[in-house]
């Protein structure tokens, strides 16, 4: 049930959220984003946001098994105090396992839990989870209820899409609202559309109207490539908040509103990211996972291709530091 004293109610309006992106928004990436906030805990306009972060999604089935639980907890459910408020995102199909996973999330001292009802990944959908729950509203409600029972007085939220094969938001969203989550994030596309068509922010506006008076916050998501655009979409749609996913990729400073980052600062940030990654994931996560971040940051300047190739061969934070410092030449 909606918690009147949850962190959601204390967020500025509009607020801005860092989306859960698998193999992207892990502990190290979130820490990079969090370190660029202002130390002030005032409204996002002054702190450089984001106002809330989400973990990568975690399987409730995996968390149920003791050996897998230890690994998954280390990989996906670690966070630092500066990443707060932070929400653990779960996926699966069994209400009883959501109950157990929610109890773990509570024990780990998260600020809330989010249920993934929007992932279009074929394996996830084939299992009846993620976006497949759009076609099974009864089970979706049972999952929300079980999760809320497991997490106690902490808030539960849901991330979903506007429909499966077609837009069914007018029928689907009310079913979610009946279960009274604290917030619903609406990715403004159907599952069938994936990310192949522009996000329909008019659908987000419809979601706001549908949810009016429910006590549930509506968060819009889709095609946000700058903080200015996020603010504009919030104003146009009336959404309580905006979640940013792919638009933040390669931009540790996205939520600060800074758009021109000196090259030397960008490159040194990669060293910092590599050091955080290594300190937290050495021996349990392949260092090569950082390559996507190298590619996203190292572009648009003379010598970028050559530098990217060198970074792609780096297998440690020390190697990244050596490559960057050599390329910077004292910048």
C-alpha atoms as a PDB file:
ATOM      1  CA  UNK A   1       0.000   0.000   0.000  1.00  0.00           C
ATOM      2  CA  UNK A   2       1.098   3.552  -0.607  1.00  0.00           C
ATOM      3  CA  UNK A   3       3.283   4.723   2.288  1.00  0.00           C
ATOM      4  CA  UNK A   4       2.569   8.326   3.242  1.00  0.00           C
ATOM      5  CA  UNK A   5       5.979   8.731   4.863  1.00  0.00           C
ATOM      6  CA  UNK A   6       8.118   7.082   2.187  1.00  0.00           C
ATOM      7  CA  UNK A   7      11.018   8.825   0.472  1.00  0.00           C
ATOM      8  CA  UNK A   8       8.863   9.175  -2.668  1.00  0.00           C
ATOM      9  CA  UNK A   9       6.715  11.781  -0.940  1.00  0.00           C
ATOM     10  CA  UNK A  10       9.760  13.852  -0.017  1.00  0.00           C
ATOM     11  CA  UNK A  11      11.165  14.159  -3.531  1.00  0.00           C
ATOM     12  CA  UNK A  12      11.071  17.527  -5.337  1.00  0.00           C
ATOM     13  CA  UNK A  13       8.654  17.908  -8.254  1.00  0.00           C
ATOM     14  CA  UNK A  14       9.573  17.071 -10.849  1.00  0.00           C
ATOM     15  CA  UNK A  15      12.202  14.607  -9.684  1.00  0.00           C
ATOM     16  CA  UNK A  16      14.728  12.791 -11.830  1.00  0.00           C
ATOM     17  CA  UNK A  17      15.636   9.106 -11.564  1.00  0.00           C
ATOM     18  CA  UNK A  18      18.506   6.975 -12.844  1.00  0.00           C
ATOM     19  CA  UNK A  19      16.963   3.990 -14.615  1.00  0.00           C
ATOM     20  CA  UNK A  20      17.899   0.370 -13.964  1.00  0.00           C
ATOM     21  CA  UNK A  21      20.016  -0.700 -16.949  1.00  0.00           C
ATOM     22  CA  UNK A  22      21.396  -4.225 -16.813  1.00  0.00           C
ATOM     23  CA  UNK A  23      25.205  -4.389 -16.995  1.00  0.00           C
ATOM     24  CA  UNK A  24      25.364  -0.577 -17.032  1.00  0.00           C
ATOM     25  CA  UNK A  25      24.008   0.969 -13.834  1.00  0.00           C
ATOM     26  CA  UNK A  26      25.938  -1.260 -11.450  1.00  0.00           C
ATOM     27  CA  UNK A  27      27.496  -0.087  -8.173  1.00  0.00           C
ATOM     28  CA  UNK A  28      30.458   1.531  -9.908  1.00  0.00           C
ATOM     29  CA  UNK A  29      28.397   3.540 -12.410  1.00  0.00           C
ATOM     30  CA  UNK A  30      25.935   4.675  -9.745  1.00  0.00           C
ATOM     31  CA  UNK A  31      28.828   5.721  -7.546  1.00  0.00           C
ATOM     32  CA  UNK A  32      30.241   7.836 -10.374  1.00  0.00           C
ATOM     33  CA  UNK A  33      26.877   9.563 -10.770  1.00  0.00           C
ATOM     34  CA  UNK A  34      26.425  10.022  -7.022  1.00  0.00           C
ATOM     35  CA  UNK A  35      29.867  11.558  -6.544  1.00  0.00           C
ATOM     36  CA  UNK A  36      28.903  14.340  -8.907  1.00  0.00           C
ATOM     37  CA  UNK A  37      25.979  15.426  -6.786  1.00  0.00           C
ATOM     38  CA  UNK A  38      26.316  18.471  -4.616  1.00  0.00           C
ATOM     39  CA  UNK A  39      26.895  17.555  -0.958  1.00  0.00           C
ATOM     40  CA  UNK A  40      23.678  19.453  -0.285  1.00  0.00           C
ATOM     41  CA  UNK A  41      20.564  17.352   0.185  1.00  0.00           C
ATOM     42  CA  UNK A  42      18.331  20.114  -1.092  1.00  0.00           C
ATOM     43  CA  UNK A  43      16.101  19.828  -4.146  1.00  0.00           C
ATOM     44  CA  UNK A  44      17.554  18.316  -7.301  1.00  0.00           C
ATOM     45  CA  UNK A  45      17.935  21.712  -8.950  1.00  0.00           C
ATOM     46  CA  UNK A  46      20.680  22.405  -6.442  1.00  0.00           C
ATOM     47  CA  UNK A  47      22.198  18.975  -5.798  1.00  0.00           C
ATOM     48  CA  UNK A  48      22.847  17.772  -9.337  1.00  0.00           C
ATOM     49  CA  UNK A  49      20.542  14.765  -8.963  1.00  0.00           C
ATOM     50  CA  UNK A  50      19.492  12.102  -9.541  1.00  0.00           C
ATOM     51  CA  UNK A  51      16.835  12.172  -6.854  1.00  0.00           C
ATOM     52  CA  UNK A  52      16.531   8.384  -6.799  1.00  0.00           C
ATOM     53  CA  UNK A  53      18.557   5.488  -8.192  1.00  0.00           C
ATOM     54  CA  UNK A  54      17.622   1.915  -9.071  1.00  0.00           C
ATOM     55  CA  UNK A  55      19.774  -1.210  -9.081  1.00  0.00           C
ATOM     56  CA  UNK A  56      20.033  -3.473 -12.100  1.00  0.00           C
ATOM     57  CA  UNK A  57      17.183  -5.967 -12.023  1.00  0.00           C
ATOM     58  CA  UNK A  58      17.691  -9.115  -9.946  1.00  0.00           C
ATOM     59  CA  UNK A  59      15.919 -12.453 -10.310  1.00  0.00           C
ATOM     60  CA  UNK A  60      13.795 -13.441  -7.322  1.00  0.00           C
ATOM     61  CA  UNK A  61      14.365 -17.067  -8.314  1.00  0.00           C
ATOM     62  CA  UNK A  62      18.104 -16.537  -8.080  1.00  0.00           C
ATOM     63  CA  UNK A  63      17.836 -14.836  -4.706  1.00  0.00           C
ATOM     64  CA  UNK A  64      15.876 -17.802  -3.392  1.00  0.00           C
ATOM     65  CA  UNK A  65      18.847 -20.163  -3.776  1.00  0.00           C
ATOM     66  CA  UNK A  66      21.538 -19.742  -1.129  1.00  0.00           C
ATOM     67  CA  UNK A  67      24.627 -20.032  -3.360  1.00  0.00           C
ATOM     68  CA  UNK A  68      23.196 -17.800  -6.080  1.00  0.00           C
ATOM     69  CA  UNK A  69      21.934 -15.329  -3.470  1.00  0.00           C
ATOM     70  CA  UNK A  70      25.423 -14.543  -2.190  1.00  0.00           C
ATOM     71  CA  UNK A  71      26.730 -13.926  -5.705  1.00  0.00           C
ATOM     72  CA  UNK A  72      23.725 -11.904  -6.863  1.00  0.00           C
ATOM     73  CA  UNK A  73      23.770  -9.795  -3.718  1.00  0.00           C
ATOM     74  CA  UNK A  74      27.426  -8.927  -4.259  1.00  0.00           C
ATOM     75  CA  UNK A  75      26.946  -8.284  -7.972  1.00  0.00           C
ATOM     76  CA  UNK A  76      23.725  -6.299  -7.920  1.00  0.00           C
ATOM     77  CA  UNK A  77      22.600  -5.335  -4.422  1.00  0.00           C
ATOM     78  CA  UNK A  78      25.553  -3.410  -3.055  1.00  0.00           C
ATOM     79  CA  UNK A  79      25.334   0.357  -2.613  1.00  0.00           C
ATOM     80  CA  UNK A  80      26.905   3.233  -0.716  1.00  0.00           C
ATOM     81  CA  UNK A  81      25.234   5.834   1.474  1.00  0.00           C
ATOM     82  CA  UNK A  82      25.754   8.576  -1.114  1.00  0.00           C
ATOM     83  CA  UNK A  83      23.643   6.582  -3.596  1.00  0.00           C
ATOM     84  CA  UNK A  84      20.507   7.029  -1.463  1.00  0.00           C
ATOM     85  CA  UNK A  85      17.631   6.997  -1.952  1.00  0.00           C
ATOM     86  CA  UNK A  86      18.137   3.719  -3.743  1.00  0.00           C
ATOM     87  CA  UNK A  87      15.576   1.129  -4.845  1.00  0.00           C
ATOM     88  CA  UNK A  88      16.236  -2.553  -5.556  1.00  0.00           C
ATOM     89  CA  UNK A  89      14.561  -3.797  -8.722  1.00  0.00           C
ATOM     90  CA  UNK A  90      13.303  -7.383  -8.827  1.00  0.00           C
ATOM     91  CA  UNK A  91      11.935  -9.592 -11.586  1.00  0.00           C
ATOM     92  CA  UNK A  92      10.223 -12.961 -11.718  1.00  0.00           C
ATOM     93  CA  UNK A  93       6.775 -14.576 -11.687  1.00  0.00           C
ATOM     94  CA  UNK A  94       6.257 -16.217  -8.298  1.00  0.00           C
ATOM     95  CA  UNK A  95       4.603 -14.036  -5.629  1.00  0.00           C
ATOM     96  CA  UNK A  96       6.045 -16.163  -2.827  1.00  0.00           C
ATOM     97  CA  UNK A  97       9.574 -15.570  -4.100  1.00  0.00           C
ATOM     98  CA  UNK A  98       8.927 -11.842  -4.399  1.00  0.00           C
ATOM     99  CA  UNK A  99       7.890 -11.971  -0.735  1.00  0.00           C
ATOM    100  CA  UNK A 100      11.185 -13.615   0.231  1.00  0.00           C
ATOM    101  CA  UNK A 101      13.271 -11.314  -1.973  1.00  0.00           C
ATOM    102  CA  UNK A 102      11.522  -8.245  -0.553  1.00  0.00           C
ATOM    103  CA  UNK A 103      12.437  -9.369   2.968  1.00  0.00           C
ATOM    104  CA  UNK A 104      16.074  -9.566   1.861  1.00  0.00           C
ATOM    105  CA  UNK A 105      15.858  -6.106   0.303  1.00  0.00           C
ATOM    106  CA  UNK A 106      14.568  -4.805   3.618  1.00  0.00           C
ATOM    107  CA  UNK A 107      17.381  -6.510   5.527  1.00  0.00           C
ATOM    108  CA  UNK A 108      19.906  -4.895   3.173  1.00  0.00           C
ATOM    109  CA  UNK A 109      18.432  -1.500   4.127  1.00  0.00           C
ATOM    110  CA  UNK A 110      17.287  -0.291   0.723  1.00  0.00           C
ATOM    111  CA  UNK A 111      14.864   2.616   0.553  1.00  0.00           C
ATOM    112  CA  UNK A 112      12.314   0.655  -1.461  1.00  0.00           C
ATOM    113  CA  UNK A 113      11.703  -2.096  -3.999  1.00  0.00           C
ATOM    114  CA  UNK A 114      10.662  -1.897  -7.647  1.00  0.00           C
ATOM    115  CA  UNK A 115       8.981  -4.671  -9.634  1.00  0.00           C
ATOM    116  CA  UNK A 116      10.052  -4.989 -13.249  1.00  0.00           C
ATOM    117  CA  UNK A 117       6.985  -5.325 -15.460  1.00  0.00           C
ATOM    118  CA  UNK A 118       8.496  -3.783 -18.558  1.00  0.00           C
ATOM    119  CA  UNK A 119      11.625  -5.686 -19.635  1.00  0.00           C
ATOM    120  CA  UNK A 120      11.159  -6.913 -23.235  1.00  0.00           C
ATOM    121  CA  UNK A 121      14.086  -9.357 -23.209  1.00  0.00           C
ATOM    122  CA  UNK A 122      12.975 -12.542 -24.965  1.00  0.00           C
ATOM    123  CA  UNK A 123      14.149 -14.899 -22.225  1.00  0.00           C
ATOM    124  CA  UNK A 124      12.520 -12.815 -19.496  1.00  0.00           C
ATOM    125  CA  UNK A 125       9.243 -12.557 -21.403  1.00  0.00           C
ATOM    126  CA  UNK A 126       9.296 -16.259 -22.299  1.00  0.00           C
ATOM    127  CA  UNK A 127       9.420 -16.997 -18.576  1.00  0.00           C
ATOM    128  CA  UNK A 128       6.252 -14.954 -18.094  1.00  0.00           C
ATOM    129  CA  UNK A 129       8.145 -12.198 -16.303  1.00  0.00           C
ATOM    130  CA  UNK A 130       9.011  -8.581 -17.083  1.00  0.00           C
ATOM    131  CA  UNK A 131       6.747  -7.139 -19.772  1.00  0.00           C
ATOM    132  CA  UNK A 132       4.833 -10.429 -20.053  1.00  0.00           C
ATOM    133  CA  UNK A 133       3.043  -9.438 -16.837  1.00  0.00           C
ATOM    134  CA  UNK A 134       1.193  -6.771 -18.845  1.00  0.00           C
ATOM    135  CA  UNK A 135      -0.809  -9.695 -20.236  1.00  0.00           C
ATOM    136  CA  UNK A 136      -1.434 -11.129 -16.772  1.00  0.00           C
ATOM    137  CA  UNK A 137      -2.785  -8.325 -14.540  1.00  0.00           C
ATOM    138  CA  UNK A 138      -4.067 -10.714 -11.900  1.00  0.00           C
ATOM    139  CA  UNK A 139      -0.600 -12.160 -11.331  1.00  0.00           C
ATOM    140  CA  UNK A 140       0.864  -8.645 -11.473  1.00  0.00           C
ATOM    141  CA  UNK A 141      -1.403  -7.582  -8.616  1.00  0.00           C
ATOM    142  CA  UNK A 142      -0.550 -10.698  -6.621  1.00  0.00           C
ATOM    143  CA  UNK A 143       3.169  -9.951  -7.053  1.00  0.00           C
ATOM    144  CA  UNK A 144       2.757  -6.369  -5.848  1.00  0.00           C
ATOM    145  CA  UNK A 145       0.773  -7.534  -2.813  1.00  0.00           C
ATOM    146  CA  UNK A 146       3.301 -10.248  -1.904  1.00  0.00           C
ATOM    147  CA  UNK A 147       6.208  -7.852  -2.358  1.00  0.00           C
ATOM    148  CA  UNK A 148       4.550  -5.275  -0.129  1.00  0.00           C
ATOM    149  CA  UNK A 149       3.949  -7.896   2.555  1.00  0.00           C
ATOM    150  CA  UNK A 150       7.619  -8.839   2.401  1.00  0.00           C
ATOM    151  CA  UNK A 151       9.020  -5.341   2.509  1.00  0.00           C
ATOM    152  CA  UNK A 152       6.747  -4.070   5.274  1.00  0.00           C
ATOM    153  CA  UNK A 153       6.458  -0.308   5.582  1.00  0.00           C
ATOM    154  CA  UNK A 154       8.924   0.452   2.797  1.00  0.00           C
ATOM    155  CA  UNK A 155       7.435   1.613  -0.533  1.00  0.00           C
ATOM    156  CA  UNK A 156       6.978  -0.513  -3.608  1.00  0.00           C
ATOM    157  CA  UNK A 157       7.041   0.845  -7.164  1.00  0.00           C
ATOM    158  CA  UNK A 158       6.541  -0.670 -10.617  1.00  0.00           C
ATOM    159  CA  UNK A 159       8.273  -0.067 -13.952  1.00  0.00           C
ATOM    160  CA  UNK A 160       6.239  -1.011 -17.018  1.00  0.00           C
ATOM    161  CA  UNK A 161       5.304  -0.143 -20.597  1.00  0.00           C
ATOM    162  CA  UNK A 162       2.120   1.204 -22.204  1.00  0.00           C
ATOM    163  CA  UNK A 163       1.165  -2.198 -23.582  1.00  0.00           C
ATOM    164  CA  UNK A 164       2.381  -5.427 -25.142  1.00  0.00           C
ATOM    165  CA  UNK A 165       1.396  -5.740 -28.802  1.00  0.00           C
ATOM    166  CA  UNK A 166      -0.478  -2.419 -28.708  1.00  0.00           C
ATOM    167  CA  UNK A 167      -1.213   0.459 -26.361  1.00  0.00           C
ATOM    168  CA  UNK A 168      -3.473  -0.898 -23.584  1.00  0.00           C
ATOM    169  CA  UNK A 169      -2.547   1.670 -20.953  1.00  0.00           C
ATOM    170  CA  UNK A 170      -6.161   2.628 -20.251  1.00  0.00           C
ATOM    171  CA  UNK A 171      -6.914  -0.926 -19.109  1.00  0.00           C
ATOM    172  CA  UNK A 172      -3.484  -1.933 -17.753  1.00  0.00           C
ATOM    173  CA  UNK A 173      -2.580   1.033 -15.549  1.00  0.00           C
ATOM    174  CA  UNK A 174      -5.813   0.957 -13.476  1.00  0.00           C
ATOM    175  CA  UNK A 175      -5.029  -2.666 -12.597  1.00  0.00           C
ATOM    176  CA  UNK A 176      -1.674  -1.578 -11.212  1.00  0.00           C
ATOM    177  CA  UNK A 177      -3.229   1.343  -9.363  1.00  0.00           C
ATOM    178  CA  UNK A 178      -5.660  -1.025  -7.627  1.00  0.00           C
ATOM    179  CA  UNK A 179      -2.639  -2.538  -5.855  1.00  0.00           C
ATOM    180  CA  UNK A 180      -1.627   0.962  -4.678  1.00  0.00           C
ATOM    181  CA  UNK A 181       2.106   1.138  -5.464  1.00  0.00           C
ATOM    182  CA  UNK A 182       3.870   4.330  -4.372  1.00  0.00           C
ATOM    183  CA  UNK A 183       4.973   5.030  -7.959  1.00  0.00           C
ATOM    184  CA  UNK A 184       4.637   3.638 -11.476  1.00  0.00           C
ATOM    185  CA  UNK A 185       7.259   4.346 -14.115  1.00  0.00           C
ATOM    186  CA  UNK A 186       5.756   4.309 -17.605  1.00  0.00           C
ATOM    187  CA  UNK A 187       8.148   3.590 -20.453  1.00  0.00           C
ATOM    188  CA  UNK A 188       6.245   5.253 -23.282  1.00  0.00           C
ATOM    189  CA  UNK A 189       6.398   2.400 -25.798  1.00  0.00           C
ATOM    190  CA  UNK A 190       4.841  -1.019 -26.208  1.00  0.00           C
ATOM    191  CA  UNK A 191       6.872  -4.188 -25.919  1.00  0.00           C
ATOM    192  CA  UNK A 192       6.506  -4.785 -29.657  1.00  0.00           C
ATOM    193  CA  UNK A 193       7.934  -1.335 -30.395  1.00  0.00           C
ATOM    194  CA  UNK A 194      11.016  -1.989 -28.228  1.00  0.00           C
ATOM    195  CA  UNK A 195      13.029   1.210 -28.786  1.00  0.00           C
ATOM    196  CA  UNK A 196      12.504   1.320 -32.542  1.00  0.00           C
ATOM    197  CA  UNK A 197       9.977   4.182 -32.505  1.00  0.00           C
ATOM    198  CA  UNK A 198       9.937   7.505 -30.645  1.00  0.00           C
ATOM    199  CA  UNK A 199       8.594   7.377 -27.086  1.00  0.00           C
ATOM    200  CA  UNK A 200       4.965   8.500 -26.881  1.00  0.00           C
ATOM    201  CA  UNK A 201       4.922  11.124 -24.149  1.00  0.00           C
ATOM    202  CA  UNK A 202       1.242  11.762 -24.794  1.00  0.00           C
ATOM    203  CA  UNK A 203       0.774   8.312 -23.271  1.00  0.00           C
ATOM    204  CA  UNK A 204       2.606   9.509 -20.168  1.00  0.00           C
ATOM    205  CA  UNK A 205       0.177  12.414 -20.004  1.00  0.00           C
ATOM    206  CA  UNK A 206      -2.685   9.907 -20.198  1.00  0.00           C
ATOM    207  CA  UNK A 207      -1.113   7.938 -17.370  1.00  0.00           C
ATOM    208  CA  UNK A 208      -1.045  11.083 -15.234  1.00  0.00           C
ATOM    209  CA  UNK A 209      -4.758  11.624 -15.871  1.00  0.00           C
ATOM    210  CA  UNK A 210      -5.603   7.971 -15.156  1.00  0.00           C
ATOM    211  CA  UNK A 211      -3.646   8.068 -11.872  1.00  0.00           C
ATOM    212  CA  UNK A 212      -5.126  11.353 -10.670  1.00  0.00           C
ATOM    213  CA  UNK A 213      -6.363  11.001  -7.096  1.00  0.00           C
ATOM    214  CA  UNK A 214      -4.892   7.510  -6.688  1.00  0.00           C
ATOM    215  CA  UNK A 215      -1.972   8.543  -4.498  1.00  0.00           C
ATOM    216  CA  UNK A 216       0.434   6.864  -6.923  1.00  0.00           C
ATOM    217  CA  UNK A 217       3.162   8.966  -8.521  1.00  0.00           C
ATOM    218  CA  UNK A 218       3.693   8.703 -12.287  1.00  0.00           C
ATOM    219  CA  UNK A 219       7.220   8.700 -13.668  1.00  0.00           C
ATOM    220  CA  UNK A 220       7.748   9.115 -17.418  1.00  0.00           C
ATOM    221  CA  UNK A 221      10.524   7.327 -19.285  1.00  0.00           C
ATOM    222  CA  UNK A 222      11.784   7.288 -22.871  1.00  0.00           C
ATOM    223  CA  UNK A 223      14.082   9.219 -25.233  1.00  0.00           C
ATOM    224  CA  UNK A 224      15.470  11.714 -22.713  1.00  0.00           C
ATOM    225  CA  UNK A 225      18.900  12.935 -23.806  1.00  0.00           C
ATOM    226  CA  UNK A 226      19.433  15.957 -21.569  1.00  0.00           C
ATOM    227  CA  UNK A 227      18.335  17.341 -18.226  1.00  0.00           C
ATOM    228  CA  UNK A 228      16.682  20.236 -20.053  1.00  0.00           C
ATOM    229  CA  UNK A 229      14.621  17.779 -22.085  1.00  0.00           C
ATOM    230  CA  UNK A 230      13.670  15.889 -18.912  1.00  0.00           C
ATOM    231  CA  UNK A 231      12.336  19.088 -17.379  1.00  0.00           C
ATOM    232  CA  UNK A 232      10.444  19.908 -20.575  1.00  0.00           C
ATOM    233  CA  UNK A 233       8.828  16.463 -20.778  1.00  0.00           C
ATOM    234  CA  UNK A 234       7.816  16.674 -17.128  1.00  0.00           C
ATOM    235  CA  UNK A 235       6.175  20.050 -17.703  1.00  0.00           C
ATOM    236  CA  UNK A 236       4.370  18.899 -20.851  1.00  0.00           C
ATOM    237  CA  UNK A 237       3.110  15.607 -19.434  1.00  0.00           C
ATOM    238  CA  UNK A 238       2.449  16.602 -15.856  1.00  0.00           C
ATOM    239  CA  UNK A 239       4.489  13.610 -14.673  1.00  0.00           C
ATOM    240  CA  UNK A 240       5.730  13.714 -11.097  1.00  0.00           C
ATOM    241  CA  UNK A 241       9.143  12.618 -12.255  1.00  0.00           C
ATOM    242  CA  UNK A 242      11.240  11.527 -15.214  1.00  0.00           C
ATOM    243  CA  UNK A 243      13.464   8.439 -15.419  1.00  0.00           C
ATOM    244  CA  UNK A 244      16.538   8.586 -17.634  1.00  0.00           C
ATOM    245  CA  UNK A 245      18.040   5.427 -19.122  1.00  0.00           C
ATOM    246  CA  UNK A 246      20.156   5.324 -22.285  1.00  0.00           C
ATOM    247  CA  UNK A 247      20.528   9.110 -22.332  1.00  0.00           C
ATOM    248  CA  UNK A 248      22.822   9.009 -19.307  1.00  0.00           C
ATOM    249  CA  UNK A 249      25.169   6.456 -20.893  1.00  0.00           C
ATOM    250  CA  UNK A 250      28.658   7.924 -21.008  1.00  0.00           C
ATOM    251  CA  UNK A 251      27.528  11.030 -19.140  1.00  0.00           C
ATOM    252  CA  UNK A 252      28.528  10.919 -15.507  1.00  0.00           C
ATOM    253  CA  UNK A 253      27.508  14.590 -15.301  1.00  0.00           C
ATOM    254  CA  UNK A 254      24.041  14.218 -16.863  1.00  0.00           C
ATOM    255  CA  UNK A 255      22.085  15.158 -13.752  1.00  0.00           C
ATOM    256  CA  UNK A 256      24.242  18.197 -13.008  1.00  0.00           C
ATOM    257  CA  UNK A 257      23.051  19.872 -16.195  1.00  0.00           C
ATOM    258  CA  UNK A 258      26.642  20.381 -17.362  1.00  0.00           C
ATOM    259  CA  UNK A 259      26.845  19.843 -21.108  1.00  0.00           C
ATOM    260  CA  UNK A 260      30.431  20.812 -21.941  1.00  0.00           C
ATOM    261  CA  UNK A 261      32.890  18.669 -19.999  1.00  0.00           C
ATOM    262  CA  UNK A 262      36.618  19.310 -20.603  1.00  0.00           C
ATOM    263  CA  UNK A 263      38.348  16.370 -22.256  1.00  0.00           C
ATOM    264  CA  UNK A 264      40.849  15.962 -19.432  1.00  0.00           C
ATOM    265  CA  UNK A 265      38.010  15.701 -16.911  1.00  0.00           C
ATOM    266  CA  UNK A 266      36.188  13.139 -19.049  1.00  0.00           C
ATOM    267  CA  UNK A 267      39.276  10.979 -19.361  1.00  0.00           C
ATOM    268  CA  UNK A 268      40.188  11.136 -15.683  1.00  0.00           C
ATOM    269  CA  UNK A 269      36.616  10.088 -14.891  1.00  0.00           C
ATOM    270  CA  UNK A 270      37.303   6.823 -16.727  1.00  0.00           C
ATOM    271  CA  UNK A 271      40.248   6.193 -14.420  1.00  0.00           C
ATOM    272  CA  UNK A 272      38.025   6.849 -11.413  1.00  0.00           C
ATOM    273  CA  UNK A 273      35.328   4.532 -12.791  1.00  0.00           C
ATOM    274  CA  UNK A 274      37.849   1.761 -13.401  1.00  0.00           C
ATOM    275  CA  UNK A 275      39.208   2.075  -9.871  1.00  0.00           C
ATOM    276  CA  UNK A 276      35.739   1.884  -8.298  1.00  0.00           C
ATOM    277  CA  UNK A 277      34.825  -1.075 -10.521  1.00  0.00           C
ATOM    278  CA  UNK A 278      37.994  -2.967  -9.640  1.00  0.00           C
ATOM    279  CA  UNK A 279      37.664  -2.274  -5.917  1.00  0.00           C
ATOM    280  CA  UNK A 280      34.145  -3.717  -5.845  1.00  0.00           C
ATOM    281  CA  UNK A 281      34.091  -6.395  -8.518  1.00  0.00           C
ATOM    282  CA  UNK A 282      37.612  -7.829  -8.771  1.00  0.00           C
ATOM    283  CA  UNK A 283      37.337 -11.580  -9.197  1.00  0.00           C
ATOM    284  CA  UNK A 284      33.545 -11.617  -9.627  1.00  0.00           C
ATOM    285  CA  UNK A 285      32.909  -9.418 -12.669  1.00  0.00           C
ATOM    286  CA  UNK A 286      34.905  -9.227 -15.887  1.00  0.00           C
ATOM    287  CA  UNK A 287      36.866  -5.984 -16.246  1.00  0.00           C
ATOM    288  CA  UNK A 288      35.898  -6.010 -19.929  1.00  0.00           C
ATOM    289  CA  UNK A 289      32.415  -4.871 -18.846  1.00  0.00           C
ATOM    290  CA  UNK A 290      33.879  -1.363 -18.710  1.00  0.00           C
ATOM    291  CA  UNK A 291      34.545  -1.295 -22.444  1.00  0.00           C
ATOM    292  CA  UNK A 292      31.057   0.013 -23.232  1.00  0.00           C
ATOM    293  CA  UNK A 293      31.774   2.982 -20.960  1.00  0.00           C
ATOM    294  CA  UNK A 294      35.142   3.593 -22.615  1.00  0.00           C
ATOM    295  CA  UNK A 295      33.421   3.641 -26.009  1.00  0.00           C
ATOM    296  CA  UNK A 296      30.683   6.008 -24.810  1.00  0.00           C
ATOM    297  CA  UNK A 297      33.086   8.556 -23.315  1.00  0.00           C
ATOM    298  CA  UNK A 298      36.033   8.404 -25.708  1.00  0.00           C
ATOM    299  CA  UNK A 299      34.614   9.899 -28.888  1.00  0.00           C
ATOM    300  CA  UNK A 300      34.370  13.196 -30.719  1.00  0.00           C
ATOM    301  CA  UNK A 301      37.966  14.369 -30.529  1.00  0.00           C
ATOM    302  CA  UNK A 302      41.205  13.930 -32.448  1.00  0.00           C
ATOM    303  CA  UNK A 303      42.863  10.630 -31.575  1.00  0.00           C
ATOM    304  CA  UNK A 304      39.718   9.192 -29.987  1.00  0.00           C
ATOM    305  CA  UNK A 305      39.763   6.000 -32.051  1.00  0.00           C
ATOM    306  CA  UNK A 306      43.367   5.185 -31.194  1.00  0.00           C
ATOM    307  CA  UNK A 307      42.754   5.888 -27.503  1.00  0.00           C
ATOM    308  CA  UNK A 308      39.627   3.709 -27.491  1.00  0.00           C
ATOM    309  CA  UNK A 309      41.570   0.815 -28.972  1.00  0.00           C
ATOM    310  CA  UNK A 310      44.212   1.101 -26.260  1.00  0.00           C
ATOM    311  CA  UNK A 311      41.585   1.230 -23.526  1.00  0.00           C
ATOM    312  CA  UNK A 312      39.811  -1.806 -24.944  1.00  0.00           C
ATOM    313  CA  UNK A 313      42.982  -3.788 -24.282  1.00  0.00           C
ATOM    314  CA  UNK A 314      43.286  -2.599 -20.677  1.00  0.00           C
ATOM    315  CA  UNK A 315      42.672  -5.306 -18.091  1.00  0.00           C
ATOM    316  CA  UNK A 316      43.075  -3.339 -14.856  1.00  0.00           C
ATOM    317  CA  UNK A 317      42.511   0.086 -13.370  1.00  0.00           C
ATOM    318  CA  UNK A 318      46.273   0.631 -13.349  1.00  0.00           C
ATOM    319  CA  UNK A 319      46.398  -0.064 -17.088  1.00  0.00           C
ATOM    320  CA  UNK A 320      43.553   2.396 -17.709  1.00  0.00           C
ATOM    321  CA  UNK A 321      45.360   5.023 -15.640  1.00  0.00           C
ATOM    322  CA  UNK A 322      48.551   4.486 -17.613  1.00  0.00           C
ATOM    323  CA  UNK A 323      46.783   4.790 -20.973  1.00  0.00           C
ATOM    324  CA  UNK A 324      44.862   7.930 -19.953  1.00  0.00           C
ATOM    325  CA  UNK A 325      47.806   9.655 -18.346  1.00  0.00           C
ATOM    326  CA  UNK A 326      49.949   8.894 -21.365  1.00  0.00           C
ATOM    327  CA  UNK A 327      47.277  10.269 -23.717  1.00  0.00           C
ATOM    328  CA  UNK A 328      46.635  13.342 -21.570  1.00  0.00           C
ATOM    329  CA  UNK A 329      50.265  14.368 -21.700  1.00  0.00           C
ATOM    330  CA  UNK A 330      49.930  16.584 -18.674  1.00  0.00           C
ATOM    331  CA  UNK A 331      46.606  18.203 -19.658  1.00  0.00           C
END
